[in-house]
């Protein structure tokens, strides 16, 4: 998509707790600009307000709630605690802009993470509700889950994926169709970090091509995608 570009804005700080650095903050969030005179300026302004406010809100929590918690726990916490946000625009064309945010806090094996995603409509300038993009009825859910379970079983043969022994039951319980974003190859459905494998791996992502989603996705919204396009595996699995 040539008429809208994006870059990263950054909020960084080191916050002392007593005489030591207690919290290291590193928030990265997307900033959008349009290269066409007057076109999509409102959309860019709306997205920039959305992500700017999200970054400021999380920064406020880090500098107040997290710092107080670290101070209260004292020597029970290994310093410094890292907290921040990562971002990626995973797909953009004339119809859709798809964005992923990963929030994290902690260090080492005690890291906590959570992923959020938004799909923006170029035409309306609003976030597309998942129910308008992907069917969410029982039949659609069964079809999506069936495809994901096949992929998960294949992945589990490789120990490097790090799945828990009972990952199949955990996957069935924790998979939500609402947790998805767009990549050139299709739709990526994700399971939150720590649900079917340790948090250190980040969110677990399963990319289903359009051919596996026939009758489930809204092709009018998704018309510009191509299964022949490639995507950045690092973006898909861990932004």
Foldseek 3Di string as FASTA:
>chain_A
DPFKDKDKDWDWDFDDQPPHRAETEIAIWIQMDTPDPPACPVLRVVRCVVGVVVQVVQVVCCVPVVSVVSNVCDPVADPHKYWYKDKDFQDDDQFKTKMKMKTWIGDDLPIFIWMDIFIATSVPSGTDQLCQFFPDDPVQVVLVLVVVLVVVVVVVVDCVVAFDPPLNVLCVVFWDSRQWTDHLQAIKTWGAAPRGGHNVQGIDIDGDGVVSRVPTGDCVSVVPGDNPDDGDVCNRRPD
